[in-house]
Amino acid sequence: MSSLSFVCYIVLTSVTMNSLSGEHHEVVTLLEPPFVMEKTTQPPSNTKKYEGMLIDILDELARRLHFTYNIRVVYDGKFGYEAEPGKWNGLVSELINNNSDLALSHLTINSQRAKVVKFTQPFMLAGLRILYRPPDPWTNQEPWYIMLTPFTAGLWVVIFVLWLVIGCLSYAIDRFSPFEDNLGQRVNHVECRGLLCGKLYTLCCILVQRNHINSPRSPSGRFLASIWWLFCIHILITFTASLTAIFLSRDTVSHGIPFHNFDELSRQTQVQYGVFKPSLTLDYFKNSEKPMVQRMWQAMNSFHPSVFIKSTKQGLDRLRQGNGNFAFIMEGPLAEFEAEKEPCDLVVLGTHMDEQAYGFACSWEGNLCDRIDHKLLEMREDEFLYKVKVKWMYSGCKDKRQQEVFSGGLSYLDTFGLRLGGAAAKSVTLRTFGAGFLVLFVGLAVTILILGAEVTYARSRNVTTKFPVHQPMRDEGRDPICGISTNKLMNDDPLS
């Protein structure tokens, strides 16, 4: 008889611990997408209906534990902070004052709250992550002058100075060397041969392998031309090799993102970053003794304007208006949810920092949280919690994320919206080739200015003579660009 009583006691205890059949509970919550939201279409009755990830979990708990509930929103819209010693607000105060049995929200579990309320098993991890809007791929993907980066600015200046020096030396050789055959050219074309421009033009012709130039006759002139030719070949080879290495080593995955984790974020100076104020995240940065976190806290206090955000909308507006100059540090689930919303222009970076977790809270009176714990473990094992999270947090930008992979982060001007495949990520873009376009456009502009000067000069001197169409230019005996004599060059070997 005693053994039968013991078995009955065990059965009744098990049923009691795992079932709340017939019980009714007051649930207090806080509206925050995607956890708890008001339904867009309300029923005719006066009672408001809610939806969201936590509502699905609460309904499943009610089904498995056989209880009913009434839900309402907390009066002050706060999670629960100790405003004064011993005085709490928000969800925590509702439980302390026994106005509610269960606080249903993404409430962060911490030691201060655990002293006054009881928490369930965590239903979701909530470490800090970085919400960021990458810069526009056209304006910030790569510097427009990337084609000039094989040489430093100092090297470009030295090359230009050497070009002037070699031109001056070549002019001196042409003028003073007794072995230069330039007597007839001086008589006929003093206006060009007496100027430095002729020799600078000659050096340019050597660089681009133009043949219609006067070759030097003296040993010193020929030796200088050979040295300059070898130097130009060295420049071209070095430039080509360096530019090829730059293109092959480009990081085509980052799409111009200047950081990928918290450590890189803390060490860079281009992008400002901020957090909610007040929040547990702010308290973490303020009180942490980790060197990296302290460095980030000091940086946040030095940024202007202030990077302490008062609302999610304010943070999102600053992200999108900053064009890659601002990053928002927030709890991981909230950051992931915002990144999945239209217009799908945000990304979540960094692994979880400050390992936190969300849980439901109950008052210390009763064992409601203890009974919910077992069911939460079951729901985690059968992947119900995972399915609910996917339903409410990862269903917004899936197709557009795939499109971004196909486009490789290139701008519309480069792809015209077409899916070019993974090889497109290594392509040279319009912006990458910007330096080439700049040289061309500047050259066109200078050409137009020179043409205008020529026309103006000709009209002022009443010059109307042109080369006859039927007569070869070589019969004129001069190069049309600078008036350099070419009769002897066209008929003789350049090096004879």
Protein backbone atom coordinates (compact mmCIF):
# COMPACT_ATOMS: atom_id res chain seq x y z
CA MET A 1 0.00 0.00 0.00
CA SER A 2 2.81 2.38 0.83
CA SER A 3 4.57 1.66 -2.46
CA LEU A 4 1.33 2.41 -4.36
CA SER A 5 1.02 5.72 -2.56
CA PHE A 6 4.59 6.59 -3.44
CA VAL A 7 3.98 5.87 -7.14
CA CYS A 8 0.83 8.01 -7.11
CA TYR A 9 2.77 10.83 -5.48
CA ILE A 10 5.46 10.67 -8.16
CA VAL A 11 2.85 10.71 -10.94
CA LEU A 12 0.95 13.64 -9.43
CA THR A 13 4.18 15.58 -8.89
CA SER A 14 5.29 15.01 -12.48
CA VAL A 15 1.91 16.10 -13.84
CA THR A 16 1.91 19.17 -11.61
CA MET A 17 5.43 20.19 -12.62
CA ASN A 18 4.77 19.83 -16.33
CA SER A 19 1.21 21.07 -16.63
CA LEU A 20 -0.62 24.25 -15.73
CA SER A 21 -4.00 22.87 -16.79
CA GLY A 22 -6.85 25.19 -15.93
CA GLU A 23 -4.62 28.03 -14.76
CA HIS A 24 -4.87 31.57 -16.06
CA HIS A 25 -1.91 33.98 -16.07
CA GLU A 26 -1.41 37.68 -16.54
CA VAL A 27 1.33 38.42 -19.06
CA VAL A 28 2.96 41.81 -19.47
CA THR A 29 4.95 42.64 -22.59
CA LEU A 30 6.71 45.42 -24.44
CA LEU A 31 6.14 46.19 -28.12
CA GLU A 32 9.30 45.70 -30.17
CA PRO A 33 9.40 44.16 -33.65
CA PRO A 34 9.81 41.31 -34.40
CA PHE A 35 9.28 40.01 -30.86
CA VAL A 36 5.86 41.47 -30.05
CA MET A 37 3.78 43.65 -32.38
CA GLU A 38 0.19 44.75 -32.67
CA LYS A 39 -1.68 43.07 -35.47
CA THR A 40 -2.37 45.34 -38.40
CA THR A 41 -6.02 44.22 -38.48
CA GLN A 42 -7.64 44.22 -35.07
CA PRO A 43 -10.68 42.05 -34.25
CA PRO A 44 -14.07 43.69 -33.55
CA SER A 45 -13.71 43.04 -29.82
CA ASN A 46 -12.07 45.55 -27.52
CA THR A 47 -9.18 43.23 -26.67
CA LYS A 48 -6.05 43.94 -28.71
CA LYS A 49 -4.38 41.09 -30.48
CA TYR A 50 -0.65 40.75 -30.88
CA GLU A 51 1.71 38.83 -33.12
CA GLY A 52 5.39 38.18 -33.34
CA MET A 53 8.08 35.68 -32.46
CA LEU A 54 7.40 35.68 -28.72
CA ILE A 55 3.65 35.42 -29.25
CA ASP A 56 4.22 32.22 -31.22
CA ILE A 57 6.41 30.88 -28.40
CA LEU A 58 3.82 31.87 -25.77
CA ASP A 59 1.03 30.18 -27.71
CA GLU A 60 3.09 27.01 -27.97
CA LEU A 61 3.85 27.09 -24.23
CA ALA A 62 0.14 27.57 -23.50
CA ARG A 63 -0.70 24.61 -25.72
CA ARG A 64 1.88 22.31 -24.15
CA LEU A 65 1.21 23.35 -20.55
CA HIS A 66 -2.57 23.77 -20.95
CA PHE A 67 -2.98 27.27 -19.55
CA THR A 68 -4.68 30.45 -20.69
CA TYR A 69 -3.38 33.99 -20.50
CA ASN A 70 -4.25 37.62 -20.81
CA ILE A 71 -1.60 39.93 -22.30
CA ARG A 72 -1.11 43.67 -22.01
CA VAL A 73 1.61 46.22 -22.69
CA VAL A 74 3.72 47.62 -19.85
CA TYR A 75 2.62 51.09 -18.76
CA ASP A 76 5.93 52.96 -19.23
CA GLY A 77 7.36 51.09 -22.21
CA LYS A 78 10.58 50.13 -20.43
CA PHE A 79 12.32 46.83 -19.84
CA GLY A 80 13.19 47.46 -16.25
CA TYR A 81 15.97 49.48 -14.63
CA GLU A 82 16.70 50.33 -11.04
CA ALA A 83 15.96 54.05 -11.27
CA GLU A 84 16.63 54.47 -7.54
CA PRO A 85 17.98 52.00 -4.98
CA GLY A 86 15.22 49.44 -4.49
CA LYS A 87 12.85 51.10 -7.01
CA TRP A 88 12.45 49.44 -10.39
CA ASN A 89 10.42 50.44 -13.43
CA GLY A 90 9.10 48.73 -16.55
CA LEU A 91 8.58 45.00 -16.81
CA VAL A 92 10.57 44.24 -13.68
CA SER A 93 8.39 46.47 -11.49
CA GLU A 94 5.26 44.69 -12.77
CA LEU A 95 6.63 41.39 -11.50
CA ILE A 96 7.92 42.78 -8.22
CA ASN A 97 4.51 44.30 -7.44
CA ASN A 98 2.74 41.03 -8.43
CA ASN A 99 0.73 42.83 -11.11
CA SER A 100 1.75 40.17 -13.63
CA ASP A 101 2.88 36.56 -13.57
CA LEU A 102 5.12 36.56 -16.63
CA ALA A 103 7.15 39.20 -18.46
CA LEU A 104 7.18 38.32 -22.16
CA SER A 105 9.91 40.28 -23.94
CA HIS A 106 13.50 40.13 -25.17
CA LEU A 107 14.62 40.85 -21.63
CA THR A 108 18.35 40.58 -21.11
CA ILE A 109 19.35 38.29 -18.26
CA ASN A 110 21.77 39.99 -15.86
CA SER A 111 22.72 39.76 -12.21
CA GLN A 112 20.91 42.92 -11.07
CA ARG A 113 17.56 41.78 -12.42
CA ALA A 114 18.11 38.21 -11.24
CA LYS A 115 18.17 39.49 -7.65
CA VAL A 116 14.54 40.64 -7.80
CA VAL A 117 12.93 38.43 -10.45
CA LYS A 118 13.31 34.84 -11.65
CA PHE A 119 14.43 34.09 -15.22
CA THR A 120 13.71 31.11 -17.43
CA GLN A 121 16.18 29.30 -19.63
CA PRO A 122 17.48 31.63 -22.40
CA PHE A 123 15.46 31.34 -25.57
CA MET A 124 17.95 33.35 -27.68
CA LEU A 125 21.54 34.58 -27.51
CA ALA A 126 21.89 38.35 -27.62
CA GLY A 127 25.55 39.28 -27.94
CA LEU A 128 26.48 42.66 -29.39
CA ARG A 129 27.05 43.00 -33.12
CA ILE A 130 27.68 45.81 -35.62
CA LEU A 131 24.92 47.10 -37.88
CA TYR A 132 26.44 48.91 -40.84
CA ARG A 133 25.43 50.35 -44.18
CA PRO A 134 28.24 49.75 -46.70
CA PRO A 135 29.20 52.76 -48.79
CA ASP A 136 27.76 53.09 -52.25
CA PRO A 137 29.79 50.86 -54.62
CA TRP A 138 30.16 53.63 -57.19
CA THR A 139 31.32 56.42 -54.90
CA ASN A 140 33.32 54.50 -52.31
CA GLN A 141 34.25 51.10 -53.65
CA GLU A 142 37.76 52.05 -54.76
CA PRO A 143 39.70 55.28 -55.24
CA TRP A 144 39.36 56.72 -58.75
CA TYR A 145 43.12 57.11 -58.93
CA ILE A 146 43.86 53.40 -58.45
CA MET A 147 45.60 53.29 -61.85
CA LEU A 148 48.14 55.79 -60.51
CA THR A 149 48.83 53.85 -57.30
CA PRO A 150 51.62 51.64 -58.76
CA PHE A 151 53.87 54.67 -58.22
CA THR A 152 53.79 56.92 -55.21
CA ALA A 153 53.15 60.62 -55.58
CA GLY A 154 56.82 61.29 -54.88
CA LEU A 155 57.90 58.95 -57.65
CA TRP A 156 55.57 60.61 -60.16
CA VAL A 157 57.07 64.00 -59.24
CA VAL A 158 60.62 62.66 -59.63
CA ILE A 159 59.81 61.21 -63.07
CA PHE A 160 58.41 64.57 -64.20
CA VAL A 161 61.45 66.45 -62.86
CA LEU A 162 63.80 64.00 -64.59
CA TRP A 163 61.91 64.52 -67.84
CA LEU A 164 62.57 68.26 -67.55
CA VAL A 165 66.23 67.72 -66.60
CA ILE A 166 66.89 65.34 -69.49
CA GLY A 167 65.12 67.75 -71.83
CA CYS A 168 67.33 70.62 -70.72
CA LEU A 169 70.48 68.50 -71.08
CA SER A 170 69.40 67.32 -74.53
CA TYR A 171 68.77 70.93 -75.54
CA ALA A 172 72.26 71.90 -74.29
CA ILE A 173 73.86 69.07 -76.30
CA ASP A 174 71.93 70.07 -79.41
CA ARG A 175 72.94 73.71 -79.01
CA PHE A 176 76.61 73.42 -78.03
CA SER A 177 77.88 70.09 -79.40
CA PRO A 178 79.91 70.54 -82.62
CA PHE A 179 78.86 67.10 -83.78
CA GLU A 180 75.13 67.86 -84.02
CA ASP A 181 74.04 68.30 -87.64
CA ASN A 182 71.53 71.07 -87.05
CA LEU A 183 72.84 74.06 -89.04
CA GLY A 184 70.24 73.86 -91.76
CA GLN A 185 67.47 73.26 -89.24
CA ARG A 186 68.48 76.33 -87.24
CA VAL A 187 68.31 78.47 -90.38
CA ASN A 188 64.98 77.19 -91.53
CA HIS A 189 63.25 76.52 -88.22
CA VAL A 190 64.72 78.77 -85.61
CA GLU A 191 61.32 79.30 -84.00
CA CYS A 192 61.19 75.70 -82.72
CA ARG A 193 64.78 74.52 -82.59
CA GLY A 194 65.71 77.44 -80.41
CA LEU A 195 63.13 76.36 -77.77
CA LEU A 196 63.13 73.65 -75.14
CA CYS A 197 59.77 72.31 -76.36
CA GLY A 198 61.43 70.54 -79.27
CA LYS A 199 63.58 68.39 -77.03
CA LEU A 200 60.76 67.69 -74.56
CA TYR A 201 58.68 66.56 -77.51
CA THR A 202 61.55 64.32 -78.61
CA LEU A 203 61.63 62.68 -75.18
CA CYS A 204 57.88 62.05 -75.36
CA CYS A 205 58.34 60.46 -78.77
CA ILE A 206 60.95 58.10 -77.34
CA LEU A 207 58.54 57.12 -74.58
CA VAL A 208 55.73 56.22 -77.01
CA GLN A 209 58.12 54.92 -79.72
CA ARG A 210 57.29 57.63 -82.26
CA ASN A 211 59.73 57.59 -85.21
CA HIS A 212 59.19 61.01 -86.77
CA ILE A 213 61.73 62.85 -84.66
CA ASN A 214 65.22 64.16 -85.11
CA SER A 215 67.75 61.62 -83.90
CA PRO A 216 70.85 62.96 -82.14
CA ARG A 217 74.08 62.93 -84.16
CA SER A 218 76.71 63.50 -81.47
CA PRO A 219 78.01 60.68 -79.23
CA SER A 220 76.83 62.48 -76.11
CA GLY A 221 73.34 62.96 -77.57
CA ARG A 222 73.07 59.33 -78.64
CA PHE A 223 74.27 58.09 -75.25
CA LEU A 224 71.74 60.33 -73.46
CA ALA A 225 68.93 59.11 -75.75
CA SER A 226 69.89 55.48 -75.07
CA ILE A 227 69.94 56.01 -71.32
CA TRP A 228 66.57 57.76 -71.44
CA TRP A 229 65.15 54.96 -73.61
CA LEU A 230 66.29 52.32 -71.11
CA PHE A 231 64.83 54.37 -68.28
CA CYS A 232 61.48 54.64 -70.08
CA ILE A 233 61.42 50.89 -70.69
CA HIS A 234 62.10 50.34 -66.98
CA ILE A 235 59.25 52.69 -66.07
CA LEU A 236 56.78 50.91 -68.36
CA ILE A 237 57.74 47.43 -67.13
CA THR A 238 57.59 48.42 -63.47
CA PHE A 239 54.29 50.24 -63.85
CA THR A 240 52.66 47.33 -65.70
CA ALA A 241 53.87 44.73 -63.19
CA SER A 242 52.80 46.79 -60.18
CA LEU A 243 49.37 47.58 -61.62
CA THR A 244 48.82 43.89 -62.42
CA ALA A 245 49.70 42.94 -58.85
CA ILE A 246 47.29 45.53 -57.47
CA PHE A 247 44.42 44.24 -59.60
CA LEU A 248 45.12 40.61 -58.70
CA SER A 249 45.34 41.31 -54.98
CA ARG A 250 42.18 43.41 -54.69
CA ASP A 251 39.73 42.28 -52.03
CA THR A 252 36.55 41.86 -54.07
CA VAL A 253 34.51 40.46 -51.18
CA SER A 254 34.59 43.34 -48.72
CA HIS A 255 33.03 45.80 -51.21
CA GLY A 256 34.78 48.71 -49.59
CA ILE A 257 33.88 47.85 -45.97
CA PRO A 258 36.69 49.30 -43.83
CA PHE A 259 36.26 46.74 -41.01
CA HIS A 260 34.84 43.27 -40.38
CA ASN A 261 34.90 42.85 -36.59
CA PHE A 262 35.04 44.86 -33.38
CA ASP A 263 38.83 44.91 -33.20
CA GLU A 264 39.15 46.39 -36.70
CA LEU A 265 36.35 48.84 -35.92
CA SER A 266 38.15 50.04 -32.79
CA ARG A 267 41.43 50.64 -34.65
CA GLN A 268 40.14 52.57 -37.66
CA THR A 269 39.28 56.30 -37.68
CA GLN A 270 37.12 56.69 -40.79
CA VAL A 271 33.85 55.37 -39.36
CA GLN A 272 32.20 56.59 -36.17
CA TYR A 273 30.12 54.19 -34.05
CA GLY A 274 27.54 54.53 -31.31
CA VAL A 275 25.05 52.74 -29.04
CA PHE A 276 21.64 53.26 -27.43
CA LYS A 277 21.43 55.56 -24.42
CA PRO A 278 20.36 54.51 -21.85
CA SER A 279 20.86 50.77 -22.29
CA LEU A 280 22.73 47.79 -20.93
CA THR A 281 24.99 48.05 -23.97
CA LEU A 282 26.05 51.52 -22.88
CA ASP A 283 26.68 50.24 -19.34
CA TYR A 284 28.82 47.44 -20.74
CA PHE A 285 31.09 49.81 -22.65
CA LYS A 286 31.24 52.17 -19.71
CA ASN A 287 32.16 49.58 -17.07
CA SER A 288 34.20 47.01 -19.01
CA GLU A 289 37.91 46.68 -18.26
CA LYS A 290 38.83 45.08 -21.59
CA PRO A 291 41.39 47.25 -23.43
CA MET A 292 39.51 47.12 -26.72
CA VAL A 293 36.18 48.04 -25.12
CA GLN A 294 37.78 50.88 -23.18
CA ARG A 295 39.35 52.17 -26.38
CA MET A 296 35.97 52.14 -28.10
CA TRP A 297 34.30 53.87 -25.14
CA GLN A 298 36.84 56.67 -25.20
CA ALA A 299 36.38 57.06 -28.94
CA MET A 300 32.58 57.23 -28.63
CA ASN A 301 32.86 60.00 -26.07
CA SER A 302 35.13 62.01 -28.39
CA PHE A 303 32.95 61.78 -31.52
CA HIS A 304 31.03 64.84 -32.67
CA PRO A 305 28.12 65.03 -33.09
CA SER A 306 27.11 62.67 -30.29
CA VAL A 307 26.91 58.99 -31.24
CA PHE A 308 24.60 58.01 -28.37
CA ILE A 309 21.30 57.14 -30.01
CA LYS A 310 17.89 57.55 -28.37
CA SER A 311 15.75 55.42 -30.71
CA THR A 312 16.08 52.77 -33.38
CA LYS A 313 14.72 55.14 -36.03
CA GLN A 314 17.34 57.74 -35.19
CA GLY A 315 20.09 55.14 -35.49
CA LEU A 316 18.81 53.82 -38.84
CA ASP A 317 18.47 57.34 -40.25
CA ARG A 318 22.04 58.14 -39.28
CA LEU A 319 23.27 54.90 -40.80
CA ARG A 320 21.66 55.62 -44.16
CA GLN A 321 22.54 59.30 -44.25
CA GLY A 322 26.15 58.72 -43.30
CA ASN A 323 27.04 56.78 -46.49
CA GLY A 324 29.41 54.45 -44.70
CA ASN A 325 30.66 56.91 -42.06
CA PHE A 326 28.64 55.53 -39.11
CA ALA A 327 28.16 52.10 -37.52
CA PHE A 328 25.53 51.14 -34.94
CA ILE A 329 26.43 48.68 -32.15
CA MET A 330 23.35 46.87 -30.89
CA GLU A 331 22.11 43.50 -29.72
CA GLY A 332 22.58 40.82 -32.34
CA PRO A 333 18.96 39.73 -32.91
CA LEU A 334 17.77 43.32 -33.32
CA ALA A 335 20.61 44.06 -35.73
CA GLU A 336 19.81 40.95 -37.79
CA PHE A 337 16.14 41.89 -37.93
CA GLU A 338 16.86 45.43 -39.15
CA ALA A 339 19.26 44.08 -41.78
CA GLU A 340 16.48 41.89 -43.20
CA LYS A 341 14.08 44.78 -43.75
CA GLU A 342 13.67 46.77 -46.94
CA PRO A 343 15.55 48.33 -48.68
CA CYS A 344 18.05 45.59 -47.75
CA ASP A 345 21.00 47.96 -47.62
CA LEU A 346 22.32 47.02 -44.15
CA VAL A 347 24.72 44.26 -43.10
CA VAL A 348 25.59 42.72 -39.72
CA LEU A 349 29.30 42.40 -38.94
CA GLY A 350 31.42 40.94 -36.15
CA THR A 351 31.03 37.94 -33.90
CA HIS A 352 29.04 38.23 -30.69
CA MET A 353 30.70 40.45 -28.12
CA ASP A 354 29.53 40.56 -24.49
CA GLU A 355 27.74 37.20 -24.40
CA GLN A 356 24.20 37.96 -23.30
CA ALA A 357 20.92 36.09 -23.58
CA TYR A 358 17.19 36.78 -23.65
CA GLY A 359 14.81 35.08 -21.23
CA PHE A 360 11.31 35.32 -19.81
CA ALA A 361 10.94 36.64 -16.25
CA CYS A 362 8.58 35.67 -13.44
CA SER A 363 8.00 36.80 -9.90
CA TRP A 364 9.74 34.87 -7.16
CA GLU A 365 6.37 33.70 -5.85
CA GLY A 366 5.31 30.50 -7.57
CA ASN A 367 7.15 28.14 -9.87
CA LEU A 368 5.90 29.31 -13.27
CA CYS A 369 9.39 29.83 -14.71
CA ASP A 370 10.53 26.41 -13.49
CA ARG A 371 7.69 24.75 -15.36
CA ILE A 372 8.34 26.77 -18.51
CA ASP A 373 12.04 25.83 -18.49
CA HIS A 374 11.38 22.20 -19.33
CA LYS A 375 9.15 23.08 -22.28
CA LEU A 376 11.67 25.59 -23.60
CA LEU A 377 14.28 22.86 -23.64
CA GLU A 378 11.91 20.61 -25.57
CA MET A 379 11.13 23.41 -28.03
CA ARG A 380 14.85 23.98 -28.59
CA GLU A 381 15.46 20.26 -29.17
CA ASP A 382 12.68 19.90 -31.73
CA GLU A 383 13.87 23.16 -33.44
CA PHE A 384 10.64 25.03 -32.77
CA LEU A 385 12.58 28.05 -31.51
CA TYR A 386 14.78 28.01 -34.60
CA LYS A 387 11.79 27.82 -36.96
CA VAL A 388 10.11 30.73 -35.22
CA LYS A 389 13.27 32.80 -35.46
CA VAL A 390 13.61 32.09 -39.17
CA LYS A 391 9.95 32.93 -39.73
CA TRP A 392 10.13 36.37 -38.16
CA MET A 393 13.73 37.46 -38.69
CA TYR A 394 15.15 35.95 -41.89
CA SER A 395 12.47 36.22 -44.54
CA GLY A 396 12.84 39.76 -45.83
CA CYS A 397 15.92 40.16 -48.05
CA LYS A 398 16.79 36.61 -49.05
CA ASP A 399 16.36 37.13 -52.81
CA LYS A 400 18.20 40.44 -52.79
CA ARG A 401 21.09 38.94 -50.83
CA GLN A 402 21.48 36.35 -53.59
CA GLN A 403 21.37 39.08 -56.22
CA GLU A 404 24.17 40.89 -54.39
CA VAL A 405 26.33 37.78 -54.61
CA PHE A 406 25.78 37.50 -58.36
CA SER A 407 26.47 41.19 -58.97
CA GLY A 408 29.64 41.08 -56.89
CA GLY A 409 28.92 44.42 -55.29
CA LEU A 410 29.34 46.30 -58.59
CA SER A 411 27.33 49.40 -59.38
CA TYR A 412 24.44 49.49 -61.82
CA LEU A 413 26.52 51.55 -64.26
CA ASP A 414 28.97 48.64 -64.49
CA THR A 415 26.50 45.74 -64.68
CA PHE A 416 23.28 47.33 -66.02
CA GLY A 417 21.49 45.08 -63.53
CA LEU A 418 22.68 41.86 -65.23
CA ARG A 419 23.89 38.80 -63.34
CA LEU A 420 27.48 38.48 -64.46
CA GLY A 421 28.62 35.68 -62.18
CA GLY A 422 31.50 35.50 -59.73
CA ALA A 423 34.15 36.46 -62.31
CA ALA A 424 32.69 39.97 -62.48
CA ALA A 425 34.12 40.71 -59.05
CA LYS A 426 37.62 40.81 -60.56
CA SER A 427 36.64 43.11 -63.42
CA VAL A 428 38.06 46.60 -63.82
CA THR A 429 35.19 48.99 -63.12
CA LEU A 430 34.45 52.44 -64.46
CA ARG A 431 35.65 53.94 -61.19
CA THR A 432 38.84 51.89 -61.23
CA PHE A 433 39.62 53.21 -64.69
CA GLY A 434 38.85 56.76 -63.57
CA ALA A 435 42.45 57.95 -63.83
CA GLY A 436 42.59 56.94 -67.50
CA PHE A 437 39.39 58.84 -68.21
CA LEU A 438 40.76 61.84 -66.32
CA VAL A 439 43.92 61.92 -68.44
CA LEU A 440 41.85 61.63 -71.63
CA PHE A 441 39.38 64.35 -70.67
CA VAL A 442 42.12 66.71 -69.53
CA GLY A 443 44.00 66.06 -72.78
CA LEU A 444 40.88 66.79 -74.81
CA ALA A 445 40.31 70.01 -72.91
CA VAL A 446 43.93 71.14 -73.40
CA THR A 447 43.74 70.22 -77.10
CA ILE A 448 40.66 72.39 -77.54
CA LEU A 449 42.41 75.28 -75.75
CA ILE A 450 45.49 74.92 -77.97
CA LEU A 451 43.31 74.79 -81.08
CA GLY A 452 41.58 77.98 -79.99
CA ALA A 453 44.95 79.65 -79.41
CA GLU A 454 46.16 78.58 -82.85
CA VAL A 455 43.06 79.93 -84.55
CA THR A 456 43.30 83.18 -82.61
CA TYR A 457 47.00 83.56 -83.46
CA ALA A 458 46.42 82.82 -87.14
CA ARG A 459 43.63 85.37 -87.38
CA SER A 460 45.65 88.03 -85.61
CA ARG A 461 48.61 87.50 -88.03
CA ASN A 462 46.36 86.93 -91.04
CA VAL A 463 47.91 83.48 -91.62
CA THR A 464 45.88 81.34 -94.01
CA THR A 465 48.54 78.96 -95.45
CA LYS A 466 47.98 75.24 -94.93
CA PHE A 467 49.68 72.10 -96.16
CA PRO A 468 48.36 71.21 -99.63
CA VAL A 469 46.29 68.04 -99.56
CA HIS A 470 48.07 66.54 -102.59
CA GLN A 471 51.58 67.19 -101.25
CA PRO A 472 53.09 64.71 -98.74
CA MET A 473 53.92 66.22 -95.40
CA ARG A 474 57.53 65.14 -95.65
CA ASP A 475 57.99 67.52 -98.60
CA GLU A 476 57.26 70.34 -96.26
CA GLY A 477 60.32 69.28 -94.34
CA ARG A 478 58.90 69.70 -90.83
CA ASP A 479 56.87 67.88 -88.18
CA PRO A 480 53.44 69.55 -87.89
CA ILE A 481 53.38 69.41 -84.09
CA CYS A 482 56.46 71.45 -83.34
CA GLY A 483 57.91 72.36 -86.72
CA ILE A 484 60.84 69.94 -86.42
CA SER A 485 62.59 69.21 -89.74
CA THR A 486 62.00 65.65 -90.94
CA ASN A 487 63.40 65.66 -94.51
CA LYS A 488 66.68 64.06 -93.59
CA LEU A 489 65.02 61.73 -91.06
CA MET A 490 62.60 60.30 -93.62
CA ASN A 491 65.31 59.66 -96.18
CA ASP A 492 68.14 58.42 -93.98
CA ASP A 493 68.63 55.82 -91.33
CA PRO A 494 67.85 57.46 -87.94
CA LEU A 495 71.08 56.20 -86.44
CA SER A 496 73.38 56.78 -89.42
